[in-house]
């Protein structure tokens, strides 16, 4: 999209809804796709299981290598565990936990997080004009022709596997083919299978 005014961008982006359903056990599944002007095809799936845990899967495919970057802007909550850049362990206001676990199909990926960056715009949220409030900015990035990012929002750390047949997150399977790589984030190790 190109900026043609202060708040107007054209032509408007058009995505496609591919699936939106609820299973008998109460799980919900949503799938959409979008084609970027740069030639990248992007599919995002959101799965909310019957316990309320959420898995977000982004699959990006292009003919040429691209720099793919996934950003999450998260509430400014106390972080319980700061030793692993692939896991965010938050303490919620009701004293419960929310653990975010991220994985990438590319073995060489970068991950960092920033809160209230004094030198830039990352780590800030602005709910009102000219008013900045601290927030957490989480970035996961890689260089590839094809990449998949998985983010799991749950009450515990997730185990994410990338294999030839698809992706497995805590026992739930999602179809996508890629490198035979296993990322075991619960133990903070990356192993080629």
C-alpha atoms as a PDB file:
ATOM      1  CA  UNK A   1       0.000   0.000   0.000  1.00  0.00           C
ATOM      2  CA  UNK A   2       1.157   3.510  -0.751  1.00  0.00           C
ATOM      3  CA  UNK A   3       0.589   6.511   1.475  1.00  0.00           C
ATOM      4  CA  UNK A   4      -1.561   9.065  -0.379  1.00  0.00           C
ATOM      5  CA  UNK A   5      -2.595  11.272   2.552  1.00  0.00           C
ATOM      6  CA  UNK A   6      -1.944  11.839   6.210  1.00  0.00           C
ATOM      7  CA  UNK A   7      -4.078   8.865   7.232  1.00  0.00           C
ATOM      8  CA  UNK A   8      -4.956   7.301   3.855  1.00  0.00           C
ATOM      9  CA  UNK A   9      -3.170   4.360   2.247  1.00  0.00           C
ATOM     10  CA  UNK A  10      -4.182   2.940  -1.157  1.00  0.00           C
ATOM     11  CA  UNK A  11      -4.917   0.551  -2.727  1.00  0.00           C
ATOM     12  CA  UNK A  12      -6.594  -1.130   0.213  1.00  0.00           C
ATOM     13  CA  UNK A  13      -5.244  -4.526   1.107  1.00  0.00           C
ATOM     14  CA  UNK A  14      -7.427  -7.524   0.475  1.00  0.00           C
ATOM     15  CA  UNK A  15      -7.116 -10.670   2.476  1.00  0.00           C
ATOM     16  CA  UNK A  16      -9.037 -13.894   2.180  1.00  0.00           C
ATOM     17  CA  UNK A  17     -10.822 -15.855   4.893  1.00  0.00           C
ATOM     18  CA  UNK A  18     -10.061 -19.538   4.318  1.00  0.00           C
ATOM     19  CA  UNK A  19     -11.588 -21.146   7.422  1.00  0.00           C
ATOM     20  CA  UNK A  20     -13.524 -20.146  10.521  1.00  0.00           C
ATOM     21  CA  UNK A  21     -15.113 -22.880  12.602  1.00  0.00           C
ATOM     22  CA  UNK A  22     -15.660 -24.303  16.077  1.00  0.00           C
ATOM     23  CA  UNK A  23     -15.240 -27.995  16.858  1.00  0.00           C
ATOM     24  CA  UNK A  24     -17.615 -30.002  19.104  1.00  0.00           C
ATOM     25  CA  UNK A  25     -15.094 -29.849  21.988  1.00  0.00           C
ATOM     26  CA  UNK A  26     -15.133 -26.024  21.881  1.00  0.00           C
ATOM     27  CA  UNK A  27     -11.851 -25.445  20.027  1.00  0.00           C
ATOM     28  CA  UNK A  28     -11.949 -22.567  17.545  1.00  0.00           C
ATOM     29  CA  UNK A  29      -9.910 -22.297  14.358  1.00  0.00           C
ATOM     30  CA  UNK A  30      -9.441 -19.353  11.995  1.00  0.00           C
ATOM     31  CA  UNK A  31      -7.296 -19.243   8.822  1.00  0.00           C
ATOM     32  CA  UNK A  32      -6.689 -16.297   6.507  1.00  0.00           C
ATOM     33  CA  UNK A  33      -4.279 -15.374   3.717  1.00  0.00           C
ATOM     34  CA  UNK A  34      -2.844 -12.236   2.187  1.00  0.00           C
ATOM     35  CA  UNK A  35      -0.562 -11.510  -0.801  1.00  0.00           C
ATOM     36  CA  UNK A  36       1.902  -8.661  -0.229  1.00  0.00           C
ATOM     37  CA  UNK A  37       2.956  -6.349  -3.075  1.00  0.00           C
ATOM     38  CA  UNK A  38       6.518  -7.606  -2.598  1.00  0.00           C
ATOM     39  CA  UNK A  39       5.467 -11.072  -3.812  1.00  0.00           C
ATOM     40  CA  UNK A  40       5.186 -12.717  -0.396  1.00  0.00           C
ATOM     41  CA  UNK A  41       2.211 -14.995   0.285  1.00  0.00           C
ATOM     42  CA  UNK A  42       1.237 -14.921   3.982  1.00  0.00           C
ATOM     43  CA  UNK A  43      -1.119 -17.306   5.763  1.00  0.00           C
ATOM     44  CA  UNK A  44      -2.055 -16.916   9.423  1.00  0.00           C
ATOM     45  CA  UNK A  45      -3.873 -19.533  11.466  1.00  0.00           C
ATOM     46  CA  UNK A  46      -5.233 -18.922  14.968  1.00  0.00           C
ATOM     47  CA  UNK A  47      -6.248 -21.913  17.084  1.00  0.00           C
ATOM     48  CA  UNK A  48      -7.927 -21.481  20.479  1.00  0.00           C
ATOM     49  CA  UNK A  49      -8.149 -24.859  22.183  1.00  0.00           C
ATOM     50  CA  UNK A  50     -10.847 -25.900  24.646  1.00  0.00           C
ATOM     51  CA  UNK A  51      -8.669 -24.834  27.617  1.00  0.00           C
ATOM     52  CA  UNK A  52      -8.310 -21.296  26.219  1.00  0.00           C
ATOM     53  CA  UNK A  53      -4.656 -21.596  25.147  1.00  0.00           C
ATOM     54  CA  UNK A  54      -3.961 -19.815  21.846  1.00  0.00           C
ATOM     55  CA  UNK A  55      -1.596 -20.865  19.041  1.00  0.00           C
ATOM     56  CA  UNK A  56      -0.803 -18.414  16.212  1.00  0.00           C
ATOM     57  CA  UNK A  57       0.907 -19.856  13.129  1.00  0.00           C
ATOM     58  CA  UNK A  58       2.315 -17.586  10.386  1.00  0.00           C
ATOM     59  CA  UNK A  59       3.547 -19.181   7.142  1.00  0.00           C
ATOM     60  CA  UNK A  60       5.300 -16.931   4.603  1.00  0.00           C
ATOM     61  CA  UNK A  61       6.418 -18.006   1.117  1.00  0.00           C
ATOM     62  CA  UNK A  62       8.215 -16.070  -1.651  1.00  0.00           C
ATOM     63  CA  UNK A  63      10.218 -16.841  -4.783  1.00  0.00           C
ATOM     64  CA  UNK A  64      13.270 -14.957  -3.539  1.00  0.00           C
ATOM     65  CA  UNK A  65      14.745 -14.793  -0.023  1.00  0.00           C
ATOM     66  CA  UNK A  66      13.147 -12.186   2.214  1.00  0.00           C
ATOM     67  CA  UNK A  67      13.681 -10.782   5.674  1.00  0.00           C
ATOM     68  CA  UNK A  68      10.643 -11.955   7.649  1.00  0.00           C
ATOM     69  CA  UNK A  69       9.959 -10.267  10.969  1.00  0.00           C
ATOM     70  CA  UNK A  70       7.200 -11.015  13.457  1.00  0.00           C
ATOM     71  CA  UNK A  71       6.478  -8.350  16.085  1.00  0.00           C
ATOM     72  CA  UNK A  72       4.297  -8.720  19.163  1.00  0.00           C
ATOM     73  CA  UNK A  73       3.420  -5.625  21.214  1.00  0.00           C
ATOM     74  CA  UNK A  74       2.578  -6.862  24.708  1.00  0.00           C
ATOM     75  CA  UNK A  75       1.250  -5.292  27.904  1.00  0.00           C
ATOM     76  CA  UNK A  76       3.699  -3.825  30.384  1.00  0.00           C
ATOM     77  CA  UNK A  77       3.429  -6.605  32.949  1.00  0.00           C
ATOM     78  CA  UNK A  78       6.081  -7.995  35.290  1.00  0.00           C
ATOM     79  CA  UNK A  79       8.230 -10.635  33.597  1.00  0.00           C
ATOM     80  CA  UNK A  80       8.874 -13.732  35.700  1.00  0.00           C
ATOM     81  CA  UNK A  81      11.619 -15.215  33.536  1.00  0.00           C
ATOM     82  CA  UNK A  82      14.019 -13.089  31.494  1.00  0.00           C
ATOM     83  CA  UNK A  83      16.784 -15.618  30.774  1.00  0.00           C
ATOM     84  CA  UNK A  84      15.393 -17.008  27.498  1.00  0.00           C
ATOM     85  CA  UNK A  85      14.575 -14.698  24.573  1.00  0.00           C
ATOM     86  CA  UNK A  86      12.186 -17.281  23.080  1.00  0.00           C
ATOM     87  CA  UNK A  87       9.955 -17.364  26.144  1.00  0.00           C
ATOM     88  CA  UNK A  88       8.015 -14.587  27.871  1.00  0.00           C
ATOM     89  CA  UNK A  89       6.699 -15.544  31.295  1.00  0.00           C
ATOM     90  CA  UNK A  90       4.288 -12.876  32.588  1.00  0.00           C
ATOM     91  CA  UNK A  91       2.597 -12.499  35.955  1.00  0.00           C
ATOM     92  CA  UNK A  92      -0.952 -11.236  35.294  1.00  0.00           C
ATOM     93  CA  UNK A  93      -2.844  -8.809  37.575  1.00  0.00           C
ATOM     94  CA  UNK A  94      -4.940 -11.688  38.999  1.00  0.00           C
ATOM     95  CA  UNK A  95      -1.623 -13.390  39.963  1.00  0.00           C
ATOM     96  CA  UNK A  96      -1.969 -16.100  37.279  1.00  0.00           C
ATOM     97  CA  UNK A  97       0.716 -16.744  34.656  1.00  0.00           C
ATOM     98  CA  UNK A  98       0.742 -16.287  30.896  1.00  0.00           C
ATOM     99  CA  UNK A  99       3.671 -17.901  29.106  1.00  0.00           C
ATOM    100  CA  UNK A 100       4.385 -16.967  25.500  1.00  0.00           C
ATOM    101  CA  UNK A 101       6.627 -19.339  23.556  1.00  0.00           C
ATOM    102  CA  UNK A 102       7.877 -18.561  20.039  1.00  0.00           C
ATOM    103  CA  UNK A 103       9.501 -20.750  17.430  1.00  0.00           C
ATOM    104  CA  UNK A 104      10.710 -20.349  13.864  1.00  0.00           C
ATOM    105  CA  UNK A 105      11.168 -22.965  11.133  1.00  0.00           C
ATOM    106  CA  UNK A 106      14.568 -21.514  10.268  1.00  0.00           C
ATOM    107  CA  UNK A 107      17.286 -22.826  12.599  1.00  0.00           C
ATOM    108  CA  UNK A 108      19.083 -19.483  12.377  1.00  0.00           C
ATOM    109  CA  UNK A 109      16.600 -16.948  13.645  1.00  0.00           C
ATOM    110  CA  UNK A 110      16.919 -13.883  15.810  1.00  0.00           C
ATOM    111  CA  UNK A 111      14.779 -12.999  18.768  1.00  0.00           C
ATOM    112  CA  UNK A 112      14.876  -9.989  21.054  1.00  0.00           C
ATOM    113  CA  UNK A 113      12.619  -7.994  23.289  1.00  0.00           C
ATOM    114  CA  UNK A 114      12.597  -4.355  24.232  1.00  0.00           C
ATOM    115  CA  UNK A 115      10.702  -2.368  26.834  1.00  0.00           C
ATOM    116  CA  UNK A 116      10.403   1.437  26.571  1.00  0.00           C
ATOM    117  CA  UNK A 117      13.321   1.940  24.151  1.00  0.00           C
ATOM    118  CA  UNK A 118      14.700   5.421  24.874  1.00  0.00           C
ATOM    119  CA  UNK A 119      16.338   5.663  21.430  1.00  0.00           C
ATOM    120  CA  UNK A 120      13.475   4.401  19.244  1.00  0.00           C
ATOM    121  CA  UNK A 121       9.810   3.569  18.917  1.00  0.00           C
ATOM    122  CA  UNK A 122       9.921  -0.053  20.071  1.00  0.00           C
ATOM    123  CA  UNK A 123       8.498  -0.905  23.458  1.00  0.00           C
ATOM    124  CA  UNK A 124       5.898   1.839  23.546  1.00  0.00           C
ATOM    125  CA  UNK A 125       2.129   1.947  23.139  1.00  0.00           C
ATOM    126  CA  UNK A 126       0.114   5.100  22.479  1.00  0.00           C
ATOM    127  CA  UNK A 127      -3.563   4.770  23.330  1.00  0.00           C
ATOM    128  CA  UNK A 128      -3.983   8.547  23.022  1.00  0.00           C
ATOM    129  CA  UNK A 129      -2.295  11.153  20.823  1.00  0.00           C
ATOM    130  CA  UNK A 130       1.035  12.419  22.171  1.00  0.00           C
ATOM    131  CA  UNK A 131       0.967  10.045  25.133  1.00  0.00           C
ATOM    132  CA  UNK A 132       3.424   7.144  25.319  1.00  0.00           C
ATOM    133  CA  UNK A 133       3.200   4.288  27.794  1.00  0.00           C
ATOM    134  CA  UNK A 134       5.779   1.497  28.227  1.00  0.00           C
ATOM    135  CA  UNK A 135       5.064  -1.897  26.675  1.00  0.00           C
ATOM    136  CA  UNK A 136       7.018  -4.984  25.670  1.00  0.00           C
ATOM    137  CA  UNK A 137       8.029  -5.324  22.015  1.00  0.00           C
ATOM    138  CA  UNK A 138       9.016  -8.861  21.016  1.00  0.00           C
ATOM    139  CA  UNK A 139      10.682  -9.459  17.649  1.00  0.00           C
ATOM    140  CA  UNK A 140      11.416 -12.787  15.946  1.00  0.00           C
ATOM    141  CA  UNK A 141      13.135 -12.597  12.521  1.00  0.00           C
ATOM    142  CA  UNK A 142      14.810 -14.741   9.871  1.00  0.00           C
ATOM    143  CA  UNK A 143      16.043 -14.641   6.271  1.00  0.00           C
ATOM    144  CA  UNK A 144      14.523 -17.278   3.955  1.00  0.00           C
ATOM    145  CA  UNK A 145      12.341 -17.986   0.916  1.00  0.00           C
ATOM    146  CA  UNK A 146       9.889 -19.828   3.137  1.00  0.00           C
ATOM    147  CA  UNK A 147       9.412 -19.501   6.883  1.00  0.00           C
ATOM    148  CA  UNK A 148       6.944 -20.352   9.602  1.00  0.00           C
ATOM    149  CA  UNK A 149       6.578 -18.642  12.962  1.00  0.00           C
ATOM    150  CA  UNK A 150       4.649 -20.181  15.838  1.00  0.00           C
ATOM    151  CA  UNK A 151       3.584 -18.274  18.941  1.00  0.00           C
ATOM    152  CA  UNK A 152       1.855 -20.063  21.802  1.00  0.00           C
ATOM    153  CA  UNK A 153      -0.033 -18.134  24.523  1.00  0.00           C
ATOM    154  CA  UNK A 154      -0.617 -20.554  27.423  1.00  0.00           C
ATOM    155  CA  UNK A 155      -0.237 -21.118  31.154  1.00  0.00           C
ATOM    156  CA  UNK A 156       3.024 -23.081  30.647  1.00  0.00           C
ATOM    157  CA  UNK A 157       5.958 -23.343  28.257  1.00  0.00           C
ATOM    158  CA  UNK A 158       5.188 -25.013  24.938  1.00  0.00           C
ATOM    159  CA  UNK A 159       7.030 -27.646  22.952  1.00  0.00           C
ATOM    160  CA  UNK A 160       7.180 -26.824  19.241  1.00  0.00           C
ATOM    161  CA  UNK A 161       8.341 -29.257  16.517  1.00  0.00           C
ATOM    162  CA  UNK A 162       8.949 -28.438  12.870  1.00  0.00           C
ATOM    163  CA  UNK A 163       9.011 -31.519  10.622  1.00  0.00           C
ATOM    164  CA  UNK A 164       8.449 -32.706   7.060  1.00  0.00           C
ATOM    165  CA  UNK A 165       4.748 -33.336   7.674  1.00  0.00           C
ATOM    166  CA  UNK A 166       3.983 -30.063   9.456  1.00  0.00           C
ATOM    167  CA  UNK A 167       4.272 -28.374  12.811  1.00  0.00           C
ATOM    168  CA  UNK A 168       3.358 -29.834  16.171  1.00  0.00           C
ATOM    169  CA  UNK A 169       2.656 -27.608  19.171  1.00  0.00           C
ATOM    170  CA  UNK A 170       1.997 -29.402  22.471  1.00  0.00           C
ATOM    171  CA  UNK A 171       0.436 -32.346  20.619  1.00  0.00           C
ATOM    172  CA  UNK A 172      -1.718 -30.312  18.178  1.00  0.00           C
ATOM    173  CA  UNK A 173      -0.653 -30.804  14.545  1.00  0.00           C
ATOM    174  CA  UNK A 174      -0.705 -28.173  11.805  1.00  0.00           C
ATOM    175  CA  UNK A 175       0.061 -29.095   8.176  1.00  0.00           C
ATOM    176  CA  UNK A 176       3.084 -27.390   6.679  1.00  0.00           C
ATOM    177  CA  UNK A 177       6.193 -28.934   5.177  1.00  0.00           C
ATOM    178  CA  UNK A 178       9.666 -27.649   5.928  1.00  0.00           C
ATOM    179  CA  UNK A 179      13.072 -28.641   7.251  1.00  0.00           C
ATOM    180  CA  UNK A 180      13.228 -31.588   9.644  1.00  0.00           C
ATOM    181  CA  UNK A 181      14.043 -29.551  12.715  1.00  0.00           C
ATOM    182  CA  UNK A 182      12.973 -29.924  16.279  1.00  0.00           C
ATOM    183  CA  UNK A 183      12.914 -26.944  18.585  1.00  0.00           C
ATOM    184  CA  UNK A 184      12.375 -27.943  22.165  1.00  0.00           C
ATOM    185  CA  UNK A 185      11.801 -24.621  23.880  1.00  0.00           C
ATOM    186  CA  UNK A 186      10.836 -26.094  27.234  1.00  0.00           C
ATOM    187  CA  UNK A 187      14.482 -27.139  27.660  1.00  0.00           C
ATOM    188  CA  UNK A 188      15.800 -24.126  25.692  1.00  0.00           C
ATOM    189  CA  UNK A 189      17.654 -26.295  23.192  1.00  0.00           C
ATOM    190  CA  UNK A 190      17.659 -26.467  19.423  1.00  0.00           C
ATOM    191  CA  UNK A 191      18.391 -29.875  17.893  1.00  0.00           C
ATOM    192  CA  UNK A 192      18.397 -31.058  14.264  1.00  0.00           C
ATOM    193  CA  UNK A 193      16.449 -34.325  14.140  1.00  0.00           C
END
